[in-house]
Structure formats: C-alpha cells, structure tokens
Amino acid sequence: MDDSISIQQKLFKNLKNLDHSQVSFVHLVSELLGISYDSAYRRIRDEKSLSINELVILATHFHVSIDDLVHGSGRSLYFQQFPIVQTEDSFYGWLEFILDELSYFKSKKRM
C-alpha cells in the first residue's frame, strides 16, 4: 500500500472488506469501542486518531495483525491454536475449524 496512507486508514480499509452482513460496520465499531456512532464515523474517516487500546481491540476482534499494518507486506499467515481433540464431537469441531481456516486462505488473493 501507499506509504502516505496511515495505519488507521489501512486498518479500516481492510475491515470494510470483511463481511459484516449481520450488523452495520459503524454499529460494530461503536459497540466494540464503546463509543457513539458519530465518534465511530470520525475514526473511520480518520478525522480522529484511534488510541492504542482501540487499535488493539479492533485488531484482536477482527484477527488483523498490527505488525502487518505497520510493515504492510501482506504476506503473513496467521494461525490459531485449537484444543487437542479429546472426544468424537471435538474431533468434528476440529475438522470444521480446519475447513474454515482453509476456506479463509483460499479466499485470499494470490501474490
């Protein structure tokens, strides 16, 4: 991405591309940060800077790497730990988790 784009702009550009069909994006940002819609709009439009805590809340919720926002390589892969399978039900849950992760990777653009 262009170096003139702020980290905050990069973050919101990435987040807007995610599927938020269940709730409006502004509502979601407002709820996560505990702020009004007006305050959420100001942050989304980059009129007010996110605090470090707000950046961490959004990055954590949406599984976005702050390091990737700063360095912008876009070549990082992120993995989550899934508990060790102990029952048949947890095995099926594990398989569903793997399928979701593979579907996510498949949906990403290839470099």
PDB file of N, CA and C in Angstrom:
ATOM      1  N   MET A   1       0.822  -1.174   0.000  1.00  0.00           N
ATOM      2  CA  MET A   1       0.000   0.000   0.000  1.00  0.00           C
ATOM      3  C   MET A   1       0.866   1.238   0.000  1.00  0.00           C
ATOM      4  N   ASP A   2       0.275   2.346  -0.352  1.00  0.00           N
ATOM      5  CA  ASP A   2       0.955   3.626  -0.396  1.00  0.00           C
ATOM      6  C   ASP A   2       1.417   4.023   0.996  1.00  0.00           C
ATOM      7  N   ASP A   3       2.667   4.512   1.105  1.00  0.00           N
ATOM      8  CA  ASP A   3       3.213   4.918   2.395  1.00  0.00           C
ATOM      9  C   ASP A   3       2.484   6.118   2.979  1.00  0.00           C
ATOM     10  N   SER A   4       1.792   6.915   2.139  1.00  0.00           N
ATOM     11  CA  SER A   4       1.092   8.094   2.636  1.00  0.00           C
ATOM     12  C   SER A   4      -0.205   7.732   3.347  1.00  0.00           C
ATOM     13  N   ILE A   5      -0.630   6.497   3.265  1.00  0.00           N
ATOM     14  CA  ILE A   5      -1.847   6.048   3.940  1.00  0.00           C
ATOM     15  C   ILE A   5      -1.498   5.697   5.379  1.00  0.00           C
ATOM     16  N   SER A   6      -2.270   6.240   6.310  1.00  0.00           N
ATOM     17  CA  SER A   6      -1.999   5.981   7.726  1.00  0.00           C
ATOM     18  C   SER A   6      -2.355   4.543   8.096  1.00  0.00           C
ATOM     19  N   ILE A   7      -1.802   4.107   9.202  1.00  0.00           N
ATOM     20  CA  ILE A   7      -2.112   2.771   9.719  1.00  0.00           C
ATOM     21  C   ILE A   7      -3.610   2.657   9.964  1.00  0.00           C
ATOM     22  N   GLN A   8      -4.202   3.715  10.479  1.00  0.00           N
ATOM     23  CA  GLN A   8      -5.637   3.720  10.756  1.00  0.00           C
ATOM     24  C   GLN A   8      -6.437   3.558   9.462  1.00  0.00           C
ATOM     25  N   GLN A   9      -6.037   4.260   8.413  1.00  0.00           N
ATOM     26  CA  GLN A   9      -6.717   4.118   7.126  1.00  0.00           C
ATOM     27  C   GLN A   9      -6.563   2.703   6.574  1.00  0.00           C
ATOM     28  N   LYS A  10      -5.364   2.126   6.712  1.00  0.00           N
ATOM     29  CA  LYS A  10      -5.143   0.745   6.273  1.00  0.00           C
ATOM     30  C   LYS A  10      -6.054  -0.209   7.032  1.00  0.00           C
ATOM     31  N   LEU A  11      -6.130  -0.009   8.351  1.00  0.00           N
ATOM     32  CA  LEU A  11      -6.965  -0.880   9.181  1.00  0.00           C
ATOM     33  C   LEU A  11      -8.410  -0.832   8.718  1.00  0.00           C
ATOM     34  N   PHE A  12      -8.974   0.356   8.604  1.00  0.00           N
ATOM     35  CA  PHE A  12     -10.390   0.452   8.237  1.00  0.00           C
ATOM     36  C   PHE A  12     -10.644   0.014   6.804  1.00  0.00           C
ATOM     37  N   LYS A  13      -9.684   0.212   5.923  1.00  0.00           N
ATOM     38  CA  LYS A  13      -9.841  -0.283   4.556  1.00  0.00           C
ATOM     39  C   LYS A  13      -9.933  -1.813   4.566  1.00  0.00           C
ATOM     40  N   ASN A  14      -9.060  -2.454   5.339  1.00  0.00           N
ATOM     41  CA  ASN A  14      -9.098  -3.916   5.458  1.00  0.00           C
ATOM     42  C   ASN A  14     -10.395  -4.395   6.107  1.00  0.00           C
ATOM     43  N   LEU A  15     -10.835  -3.707   7.153  1.00  0.00           N
ATOM     44  CA  LEU A  15     -12.028  -4.134   7.875  1.00  0.00           C
ATOM     45  C   LEU A  15     -13.287  -3.965   7.038  1.00  0.00           C
ATOM     46  N   LYS A  16     -13.343  -2.928   6.226  1.00  0.00           N
ATOM     47  CA  LYS A  16     -14.520  -2.702   5.383  1.00  0.00           C
ATOM     48  C   LYS A  16     -14.681  -3.816   4.355  1.00  0.00           C
ATOM     49  N   ASN A  17     -13.577  -4.477   3.986  1.00  0.00           N
ATOM     50  CA  ASN A  17     -13.638  -5.555   3.003  1.00  0.00           C
ATOM     51  C   ASN A  17     -14.162  -6.864   3.590  1.00  0.00           C
ATOM     52  N   LEU A  18     -14.247  -6.937   4.922  1.00  0.00           N
ATOM     53  CA  LEU A  18     -14.765  -8.137   5.563  1.00  0.00           C
ATOM     54  C   LEU A  18     -16.279  -8.157   5.477  1.00  0.00           C
ATOM     55  N   ASP A  19     -16.863  -9.320   5.626  1.00  0.00           N
ATOM     56  CA  ASP A  19     -18.313  -9.467   5.572  1.00  0.00           C
ATOM     57  C   ASP A  19     -18.917  -9.066   6.917  1.00  0.00           C
ATOM     58  N   HIS A  20     -19.725  -8.012   6.892  1.00  0.00           N
ATOM     59  CA  HIS A  20     -20.410  -7.544   8.094  1.00  0.00           C
ATOM     60  C   HIS A  20     -21.921  -7.587   7.859  1.00  0.00           C
ATOM     61  N   SER A  21     -22.393  -8.599   7.185  1.00  0.00           N
ATOM     62  CA  SER A  21     -23.797  -8.654   6.788  1.00  0.00           C
ATOM     63  C   SER A  21     -24.753  -8.739   7.975  1.00  0.00           C
ATOM     64  N   GLN A  22     -24.273  -9.167   9.128  1.00  0.00           N
ATOM     65  CA  GLN A  22     -25.142  -9.302  10.294  1.00  0.00           C
ATOM     66  C   GLN A  22     -25.445  -7.961  10.954  1.00  0.00           C
ATOM     67  N   VAL A  23     -24.545  -6.996  10.834  1.00  0.00           N
ATOM     68  CA  VAL A  23     -24.692  -5.715  11.521  1.00  0.00           C
ATOM     69  C   VAL A  23     -23.920  -4.657  10.740  1.00  0.00           C
ATOM     70  N   SER A  24     -24.333  -3.387  10.845  1.00  0.00           N
ATOM     71  CA  SER A  24     -23.619  -2.339  10.121  1.00  0.00           C
ATOM     72  C   SER A  24     -22.210  -2.189  10.680  1.00  0.00           C
ATOM     73  N   PHE A  25     -21.300  -1.802   9.828  1.00  0.00           N
ATOM     74  CA  PHE A  25     -19.892  -1.663  10.209  1.00  0.00           C
ATOM     75  C   PHE A  25     -19.740  -0.604  11.297  1.00  0.00           C
ATOM     76  N   VAL A  26     -20.414   0.529  11.141  1.00  0.00           N
ATOM     77  CA  VAL A  26     -20.315   1.610  12.129  1.00  0.00           C
ATOM     78  C   VAL A  26     -20.850   1.139  13.473  1.00  0.00           C
ATOM     79  N   HIS A  27     -21.943   0.401  13.451  1.00  0.00           N
ATOM     80  CA  HIS A  27     -22.507  -0.124  14.702  1.00  0.00           C
ATOM     81  C   HIS A  27     -21.504  -1.052  15.384  1.00  0.00           C
ATOM     82  N   LEU A  28     -20.882  -1.904  14.615  1.00  0.00           N
ATOM     83  CA  LEU A  28     -19.920  -2.850  15.162  1.00  0.00           C
ATOM     84  C   LEU A  28     -18.729  -2.122  15.787  1.00  0.00           C
ATOM     85  N   VAL A  29     -18.174  -1.148  15.092  1.00  0.00           N
ATOM     86  CA  VAL A  29     -17.047  -0.368  15.627  1.00  0.00           C
ATOM     87  C   VAL A  29     -17.480   0.362  16.892  1.00  0.00           C
ATOM     88  N   SER A  30     -18.654   0.954  16.843  1.00  0.00           N
ATOM     89  CA  SER A  30     -19.199   1.672  18.001  1.00  0.00           C
ATOM     90  C   SER A  30     -19.341   0.756  19.213  1.00  0.00           C
ATOM     91  N   GLU A  31     -19.889  -0.415  19.013  1.00  0.00           N
ATOM     92  CA  GLU A  31     -20.077  -1.382  20.101  1.00  0.00           C
ATOM     93  C   GLU A  31     -18.747  -1.871  20.660  1.00  0.00           C
ATOM     94  N   LEU A  32     -17.829  -2.220  19.768  1.00  0.00           N
ATOM     95  CA  LEU A  32     -16.534  -2.742  20.217  1.00  0.00           C
ATOM     96  C   LEU A  32     -15.752  -1.717  21.034  1.00  0.00           C
ATOM     97  N   LEU A  33     -15.807  -0.461  20.602  1.00  0.00           N
ATOM     98  CA  LEU A  33     -15.016   0.576  21.264  1.00  0.00           C
ATOM     99  C   LEU A  33     -15.778   1.296  22.375  1.00  0.00           C
ATOM    100  N   GLY A  34     -17.100   1.039  22.475  1.00  0.00           N
ATOM    101  CA  GLY A  34     -17.904   1.702  23.498  1.00  0.00           C
ATOM    102  C   GLY A  34     -18.019   3.198  23.253  1.00  0.00           C
ATOM    103  N   ILE A  35     -18.200   3.572  21.985  1.00  0.00           N
ATOM    104  CA  ILE A  35     -18.295   4.980  21.618  1.00  0.00           C
ATOM    105  C   ILE A  35     -19.564   5.199  20.802  1.00  0.00           C
ATOM    106  N   SER A  36     -19.916   6.466  20.584  1.00  0.00           N
ATOM    107  CA  SER A  36     -21.100   6.797  19.799  1.00  0.00           C
ATOM    108  C   SER A  36     -20.855   6.536  18.313  1.00  0.00           C
ATOM    109  N   TYR A  37     -21.955   6.509  17.551  1.00  0.00           N
ATOM    110  CA  TYR A  37     -21.829   6.348  16.099  1.00  0.00           C
ATOM    111  C   TYR A  37     -21.009   7.498  15.513  1.00  0.00           C
ATOM    112  N   ASP A  38     -21.252   8.726  16.001  1.00  0.00           N
ATOM    113  CA  ASP A  38     -20.527   9.884  15.499  1.00  0.00           C
ATOM    114  C   ASP A  38     -19.025   9.723  15.730  1.00  0.00           C
ATOM    115  N   SER A  39     -18.656   9.259  16.921  1.00  0.00           N
ATOM    116  CA  SER A  39     -17.233   9.029  17.226  1.00  0.00           C
ATOM    117  C   SER A  39     -16.661   7.922  16.357  1.00  0.00           C
ATOM    118  N   ALA A  40     -17.454   6.879  16.106  1.00  0.00           N
ATOM    119  CA  ALA A  40     -17.001   5.787  15.240  1.00  0.00           C
ATOM    120  C   ALA A  40     -16.777   6.300  13.812  1.00  0.00           C
ATOM    121  N   TYR A  41     -17.719   7.099  13.309  1.00  0.00           N
ATOM    122  CA  TYR A  41     -17.553   7.668  11.968  1.00  0.00           C
ATOM    123  C   TYR A  41     -16.292   8.525  11.880  1.00  0.00           C
ATOM    124  N   ARG A  42     -16.006   9.321  12.916  1.00  0.00           N
ATOM    125  CA  ARG A  42     -14.807  10.170  12.891  1.00  0.00           C
ATOM    126  C   ARG A  42     -13.538   9.319  12.824  1.00  0.00           C
ATOM    127  N   ARG A  43     -13.532   8.200  13.513  1.00  0.00           N
ATOM    128  CA  ARG A  43     -12.363   7.318  13.468  1.00  0.00           C
ATOM    129  C   ARG A  43     -12.250   6.629  12.107  1.00  0.00           C
ATOM    130  N   ILE A  44     -13.369   6.183  11.583  1.00  0.00           N
ATOM    131  CA  ILE A  44     -13.365   5.510  10.279  1.00  0.00           C
ATOM    132  C   ILE A  44     -12.899   6.464   9.179  1.00  0.00           C
ATOM    133  N   ARG A  45     -13.312   7.734   9.265  1.00  0.00           N
ATOM    134  CA  ARG A  45     -12.904   8.737   8.265  1.00  0.00           C
ATOM    135  C   ARG A  45     -11.517   9.308   8.556  1.00  0.00           C
ATOM    136  N   ASP A  46     -10.867   8.847   9.609  1.00  0.00           N
ATOM    137  CA  ASP A  46      -9.524   9.290  10.002  1.00  0.00           C
ATOM    138  C   ASP A  46      -9.507  10.756  10.433  1.00  0.00           C
ATOM    139  N   GLU A  47     -10.642  11.233  10.957  1.00  0.00           N
ATOM    140  CA  GLU A  47     -10.712  12.592  11.494  1.00  0.00           C
ATOM    141  C   GLU A  47     -10.259  12.617  12.947  1.00  0.00           C
ATOM    142  N   LYS A  48     -10.334  11.492  13.614  1.00  0.00           N
ATOM    143  CA  LYS A  48      -9.865  11.339  14.991  1.00  0.00           C
ATOM    144  C   LYS A  48      -9.037  10.065  15.061  1.00  0.00           C
ATOM    145  N   SER A  49      -7.878  10.169  15.667  1.00  0.00           N
ATOM    146  CA  SER A  49      -6.978   9.011  15.747  1.00  0.00           C
ATOM    147  C   SER A  49      -7.485   7.983  16.749  1.00  0.00           C
ATOM    148  N   LEU A  50      -7.275   6.730  16.395  1.00  0.00           N
ATOM    149  CA  LEU A  50      -7.546   5.646  17.335  1.00  0.00           C
ATOM    150  C   LEU A  50      -6.498   5.679  18.437  1.00  0.00           C
ATOM    151  N   SER A  51      -6.909   5.369  19.649  1.00  0.00           N
ATOM    152  CA  SER A  51      -5.919   5.184  20.707  1.00  0.00           C
ATOM    153  C   SER A  51      -5.269   3.819  20.499  1.00  0.00           C
ATOM    154  N   ILE A  52      -4.171   3.586  21.167  1.00  0.00           N
ATOM    155  CA  ILE A  52      -3.505   2.279  21.074  1.00  0.00           C
ATOM    156  C   ILE A  52      -4.482   1.191  21.539  1.00  0.00           C
ATOM    157  N   ASN A  53      -5.198   1.438  22.626  1.00  0.00           N
ATOM    158  CA  ASN A  53      -6.146   0.452  23.141  1.00  0.00           C
ATOM    159  C   ASN A  53      -7.244   0.156  22.122  1.00  0.00           C
ATOM    160  N   GLU A  54      -7.743   1.187  21.446  1.00  0.00           N
ATOM    161  CA  GLU A  54      -8.786   0.978  20.440  1.00  0.00           C
ATOM    162  C   GLU A  54      -8.245   0.174  19.262  1.00  0.00           C
ATOM    163  N   LEU A  55      -7.022   0.473  18.856  1.00  0.00           N
ATOM    164  CA  LEU A  55      -6.385  -0.281  17.772  1.00  0.00           C
ATOM    165  C   LEU A  55      -6.270  -1.756  18.148  1.00  0.00           C
ATOM    166  N   VAL A  56      -5.858  -2.024  19.375  1.00  0.00           N
ATOM    167  CA  VAL A  56      -5.707  -3.412  19.834  1.00  0.00           C
ATOM    168  C   VAL A  56      -7.072  -4.110  19.881  1.00  0.00           C
ATOM    169  N   ILE A  57      -8.100  -3.416  20.360  1.00  0.00           N
ATOM    170  CA  ILE A  57      -9.449  -4.004  20.425  1.00  0.00           C
ATOM    171  C   ILE A  57      -9.918  -4.403  19.031  1.00  0.00           C
ATOM    172  N   LEU A  58      -9.792  -3.510  18.072  1.00  0.00           N
ATOM    173  CA  LEU A  58     -10.246  -3.813  16.708  1.00  0.00           C
ATOM    174  C   LEU A  58      -9.398  -4.899  16.056  1.00  0.00           C
ATOM    175  N   ALA A  59      -8.089  -4.803  16.199  1.00  0.00           N
ATOM    176  CA  ALA A  59      -7.201  -5.803  15.593  1.00  0.00           C
ATOM    177  C   ALA A  59      -7.451  -7.183  16.187  1.00  0.00           C
ATOM    178  N   THR A  60      -7.664  -7.241  17.482  1.00  0.00           N
ATOM    179  CA  THR A  60      -7.919  -8.522  18.142  1.00  0.00           C
ATOM    180  C   THR A  60      -9.254  -9.100  17.695  1.00  0.00           C
ATOM    181  N   HIS A  61     -10.291  -8.282  17.685  1.00  0.00           N
ATOM    182  CA  HIS A  61     -11.623  -8.771  17.307  1.00  0.00           C
ATOM    183  C   HIS A  61     -11.654  -9.287  15.864  1.00  0.00           C
ATOM    184  N   PHE A  62     -10.998  -8.565  14.970  1.00  0.00           N
ATOM    185  CA  PHE A  62     -11.045  -8.919  13.550  1.00  0.00           C
ATOM    186  C   PHE A  62      -9.861  -9.776  13.099  1.00  0.00           C
ATOM    187  N   HIS A  63      -9.000 -10.171  14.041  1.00  0.00           N
ATOM    188  CA  HIS A  63      -7.839 -11.015  13.727  1.00  0.00           C
ATOM    189  C   HIS A  63      -6.946 -10.365  12.666  1.00  0.00           C
ATOM    190  N   VAL A  64      -6.643  -9.093  12.886  1.00  0.00           N
ATOM    191  CA  VAL A  64      -5.769  -8.337  11.995  1.00  0.00           C
ATOM    192  C   VAL A  64      -4.441  -8.135  12.707  1.00  0.00           C
ATOM    193  N   SER A  65      -3.358  -8.327  12.001  1.00  0.00           N
ATOM    194  CA  SER A  65      -2.030  -8.151  12.574  1.00  0.00           C
ATOM    195  C   SER A  65      -1.638  -6.673  12.547  1.00  0.00           C
ATOM    196  N   ILE A  66      -1.338  -6.118  13.711  1.00  0.00           N
ATOM    197  CA  ILE A  66      -0.861  -4.738  13.773  1.00  0.00           C
ATOM    198  C   ILE A  66       0.490  -4.636  13.071  1.00  0.00           C
ATOM    199  N   ASP A  67       1.310  -5.656  13.219  1.00  0.00           N
ATOM    200  CA  ASP A  67       2.611  -5.680  12.543  1.00  0.00           C
ATOM    201  C   ASP A  67       2.433  -5.587  11.031  1.00  0.00           C
ATOM    202  N   ASP A  68       1.462  -6.305  10.497  1.00  0.00           N
ATOM    203  CA  ASP A  68       1.206  -6.265   9.061  1.00  0.00           C
ATOM    204  C   ASP A  68       0.724  -4.878   8.634  1.00  0.00           C
ATOM    205  N   LEU A  69      -0.051  -4.201   9.489  1.00  0.00           N
ATOM    206  CA  LEU A  69      -0.491  -2.840   9.180  1.00  0.00           C
ATOM    207  C   LEU A  69       0.703  -1.886   9.120  1.00  0.00           C
ATOM    208  N   VAL A  70       1.634  -2.075  10.037  1.00  0.00           N
ATOM    209  CA  VAL A  70       2.802  -1.196  10.108  1.00  0.00           C
ATOM    210  C   VAL A  70       3.743  -1.457   8.939  1.00  0.00           C
ATOM    211  N   HIS A  71       4.042  -2.717   8.686  1.00  0.00           N
ATOM    212  CA  HIS A  71       5.024  -3.061   7.661  1.00  0.00           C
ATOM    213  C   HIS A  71       4.397  -3.326   6.302  1.00  0.00           C
ATOM    214  N   GLY A  72       3.127  -3.666   6.292  1.00  0.00           N
ATOM    215  CA  GLY A  72       2.360  -3.760   5.068  1.00  0.00           C
ATOM    216  C   GLY A  72       2.777  -4.768   4.039  1.00  0.00           C
ATOM    217  N   SER A  73       3.417  -5.850   4.427  1.00  0.00           N
ATOM    218  CA  SER A  73       3.852  -6.821   3.428  1.00  0.00           C
ATOM    219  C   SER A  73       2.678  -7.590   2.842  1.00  0.00           C
ATOM    220  N   GLY A  74       1.669  -7.864   3.669  1.00  0.00           N
ATOM    221  CA  GLY A  74       0.521  -8.631   3.195  1.00  0.00           C
ATOM    222  C   GLY A  74       0.835 -10.080   2.904  1.00  0.00           C
ATOM    223  N   ARG A  75       2.002 -10.530   3.311  1.00  0.00           N
ATOM    224  CA  ARG A  75       2.422 -11.899   3.021  1.00  0.00           C
ATOM    225  C   ARG A  75       2.419 -12.790   4.247  1.00  0.00           C
ATOM    226  N   SER A  76       1.877 -12.292   5.337  1.00  0.00           N
ATOM    227  CA  SER A  76       1.886 -13.053   6.581  1.00  0.00           C
ATOM    228  C   SER A  76       0.691 -13.991   6.653  1.00  0.00           C
ATOM    229  N   LEU A  77       0.910 -15.122   7.280  1.00  0.00           N
ATOM    230  CA  LEU A  77      -0.156 -16.069   7.564  1.00  0.00           C
ATOM    231  C   LEU A  77      -0.280 -16.177   9.074  1.00  0.00           C
ATOM    232  N   TYR A  78      -1.494 -16.228   9.542  1.00  0.00           N
ATOM    233  CA  TYR A  78      -1.730 -16.270  10.980  1.00  0.00           C
ATOM    234  C   TYR A  78      -2.518 -17.520  11.322  1.00  0.00           C
ATOM    235  N   PHE A  79      -2.139 -18.134  12.406  1.00  0.00           N
ATOM    236  CA  PHE A  79      -2.774 -19.372  12.812  1.00  0.00           C
ATOM    237  C   PHE A  79      -3.278 -19.233  14.239  1.00  0.00           C
ATOM    238  N   GLN A  80      -4.339 -19.974  14.535  1.00  0.00           N
ATOM    239  CA  GLN A  80      -4.872 -20.018  15.883  1.00  0.00           C
ATOM    240  C   GLN A  80      -4.734 -21.433  16.402  1.00  0.00           C
ATOM    241  N   GLN A  81      -4.529 -21.528  17.680  1.00  0.00           N
ATOM    242  CA  GLN A  81      -4.434 -22.840  18.305  1.00  0.00           C
ATOM    243  C   GLN A  81      -5.835 -23.398  18.507  1.00  0.00           C
ATOM    244  N   PHE A  82      -5.990 -24.664  18.285  1.00  0.00           N
ATOM    245  CA  PHE A  82      -7.250 -25.351  18.552  1.00  0.00           C
ATOM    246  C   PHE A  82      -6.953 -26.427  19.586  1.00  0.00           C
ATOM    247  N   PRO A  83      -7.795 -26.541  20.618  1.00  0.00           N
ATOM    248  CA  PRO A  83      -7.517 -27.517  21.681  1.00  0.00           C
ATOM    249  C   PRO A  83      -7.333 -28.939  21.146  1.00  0.00           C
ATOM    250  N   ILE A  84      -6.556 -29.714  21.855  1.00  0.00           N
ATOM    251  CA  ILE A  84      -6.320 -31.104  21.482  1.00  0.00           C
ATOM    252  C   ILE A  84      -7.637 -31.872  21.497  1.00  0.00           C
ATOM    253  N   VAL A  85      -7.830 -32.695  20.486  1.00  0.00           N
ATOM    254  CA  VAL A  85      -9.061 -33.463  20.331  1.00  0.00           C
ATOM    255  C   VAL A  85      -9.141 -34.531  21.432  1.00  0.00           C
ATOM    256  N   GLN A  86     -10.251 -34.498  22.195  1.00  0.00           N
ATOM    257  CA  GLN A  86     -10.407 -35.461  23.278  1.00  0.00           C
ATOM    258  C   GLN A  86     -11.655 -36.334  23.125  1.00  0.00           C
ATOM    259  N   THR A  87     -12.613 -35.880  22.328  1.00  0.00           N
ATOM    260  CA  THR A  87     -13.834 -36.662  22.121  1.00  0.00           C
ATOM    261  C   THR A  87     -14.172 -36.659  20.632  1.00  0.00           C
ATOM    262  N   GLU A  88     -15.127 -37.490  20.273  1.00  0.00           N
ATOM    263  CA  GLU A  88     -15.557 -37.542  18.877  1.00  0.00           C
ATOM    264  C   GLU A  88     -16.142 -36.197  18.449  1.00  0.00           C
ATOM    265  N   ASP A  89     -16.936 -35.561  19.322  1.00  0.00           N
ATOM    266  CA  ASP A  89     -17.516 -34.255  18.994  1.00  0.00           C
ATOM    267  C   ASP A  89     -16.433 -33.204  18.798  1.00  0.00           C
ATOM    268  N   SER A  90     -15.410 -33.234  19.651  1.00  0.00           N
ATOM    269  CA  SER A  90     -14.347 -32.241  19.500  1.00  0.00           C
ATOM    270  C   SER A  90     -13.541 -32.520  18.228  1.00  0.00           C
ATOM    271  N   PHE A  91     -13.476 -33.777  17.801  1.00  0.00           N
ATOM    272  CA  PHE A  91     -12.798 -34.103  16.551  1.00  0.00           C
ATOM    273  C   PHE A  91     -13.536 -33.471  15.374  1.00  0.00           C
ATOM    274  N   TYR A  92     -14.874 -33.566  15.368  1.00  0.00           N
ATOM    275  CA  TYR A  92     -15.657 -32.943  14.299  1.00  0.00           C
ATOM    276  C   TYR A  92     -15.525 -31.418  14.357  1.00  0.00           C
ATOM    277  N   GLY A  93     -15.475 -30.875  15.547  1.00  0.00           N
ATOM    278  CA  GLY A  93     -15.253 -29.437  15.703  1.00  0.00           C
ATOM    279  C   GLY A  93     -13.900 -29.031  15.145  1.00  0.00           C
ATOM    280  N   TRP A  94     -12.905 -29.865  15.400  1.00  0.00           N
ATOM    281  CA  TRP A  94     -11.563 -29.607  14.892  1.00  0.00           C
ATOM    282  C   TRP A  94     -11.555 -29.637  13.363  1.00  0.00           C
ATOM    283  N   LEU A  95     -12.244 -30.618  12.775  1.00  0.00           N
ATOM    284  CA  LEU A  95     -12.315 -30.693  11.314  1.00  0.00           C
ATOM    285  C   LEU A  95     -13.013 -29.462  10.732  1.00  0.00           C
ATOM    286  N   GLU A  96     -14.076 -29.012  11.380  1.00  0.00           N
ATOM    287  CA  GLU A  96     -14.778 -27.809  10.919  1.00  0.00           C
ATOM    288  C   GLU A  96     -13.861 -26.582  11.024  1.00  0.00           C
ATOM    289  N   PHE A  97     -13.095 -26.512  12.091  1.00  0.00           N
ATOM    290  CA  PHE A  97     -12.155 -25.414  12.270  1.00  0.00           C
ATOM    291  C   PHE A  97     -11.127 -25.402  11.137  1.00  0.00           C
ATOM    292  N   ILE A  98     -10.570 -26.566  10.824  1.00  0.00           N
ATOM    293  CA  ILE A  98      -9.584 -26.680   9.744  1.00  0.00           C
ATOM    294  C   ILE A  98     -10.199 -26.271   8.411  1.00  0.00           C
ATOM    295  N   LEU A  99     -11.436 -26.717   8.149  1.00  0.00           N
ATOM    296  CA  LEU A  99     -12.127 -26.356   6.915  1.00  0.00           C
ATOM    297  C   LEU A  99     -12.330 -24.846   6.830  1.00  0.00           C
ATOM    298  N   ASP A 100     -12.731 -24.217   7.926  1.00  0.00           N
ATOM    299  CA  ASP A 100     -12.909 -22.759   7.948  1.00  0.00           C
ATOM    300  C   ASP A 100     -11.600 -22.038   7.655  1.00  0.00           C
ATOM    301  N   GLU A 101     -10.516 -22.517   8.273  1.00  0.00           N
ATOM    302  CA  GLU A 101      -9.213 -21.889   8.055  1.00  0.00           C
ATOM    303  C   GLU A 101      -8.765 -22.037   6.599  1.00  0.00           C
ATOM    304  N   LEU A 102      -8.941 -23.226   6.031  1.00  0.00           N
ATOM    305  CA  LEU A 102      -8.554 -23.439   4.640  1.00  0.00           C
ATOM    306  C   LEU A 102      -9.410 -22.603   3.685  1.00  0.00           C
ATOM    307  N   SER A 103     -10.698 -22.478   3.989  1.00  0.00           N
ATOM    308  CA  SER A 103     -11.582 -21.643   3.170  1.00  0.00           C
ATOM    309  C   SER A 103     -11.140 -20.192   3.219  1.00  0.00           C
ATOM    310  N   TYR A 104     -10.725 -19.741   4.401  1.00  0.00           N
ATOM    311  CA  TYR A 104     -10.236 -18.377   4.558  1.00  0.00           C
ATOM    312  C   TYR A 104      -9.004 -18.155   3.674  1.00  0.00           C
ATOM    313  N   PHE A 105      -8.040 -19.066   3.731  1.00  0.00           N
ATOM    314  CA  PHE A 105      -6.832 -18.920   2.932  1.00  0.00           C
ATOM    315  C   PHE A 105      -7.142 -18.977   1.438  1.00  0.00           C
ATOM    316  N   LYS A 106      -8.080 -19.822   1.067  1.00  0.00           N
ATOM    317  CA  LYS A 106      -8.445 -19.932  -0.336  1.00  0.00           C
ATOM    318  C   LYS A 106      -9.056 -18.639  -0.854  1.00  0.00           C
ATOM    319  N   SER A 107      -9.763 -17.915   0.007  1.00  0.00           N
ATOM    320  CA  SER A 107     -10.446 -16.681  -0.406  1.00  0.00           C
ATOM    321  C   SER A 107      -9.485 -15.514  -0.596  1.00  0.00           C
ATOM    322  N   LYS A 108      -8.266 -15.616  -0.091  1.00  0.00           N
ATOM    323  CA  LYS A 108      -7.304 -14.519  -0.189  1.00  0.00           C
ATOM    324  C   LYS A 108      -6.687 -14.471  -1.579  1.00  0.00           C
ATOM    325  N   LYS A 109      -6.320 -13.253  -1.985  1.00  0.00           N
ATOM    326  CA  LYS A 109      -5.673 -13.070  -3.282  1.00  0.00           C
ATOM    327  C   LYS A 109      -4.303 -13.725  -3.285  1.00  0.00           C
ATOM    328  N   ARG A 110      -3.945 -14.256  -4.405  1.00  0.00           N
ATOM    329  CA  ARG A 110      -2.609 -14.862  -4.536  1.00  0.00           C
ATOM    330  C   ARG A 110      -1.648 -13.820  -5.017  1.00  0.00           C
ATOM    331  N   MET A 111      -0.437 -13.868  -4.507  1.00  0.00           N
ATOM    332  CA  MET A 111       0.611 -12.905  -4.886  1.00  0.00           C
ATOM    333  C   MET A 111       1.345 -13.400  -6.095  1.00  0.00           C
TER     334      MET A 111
END
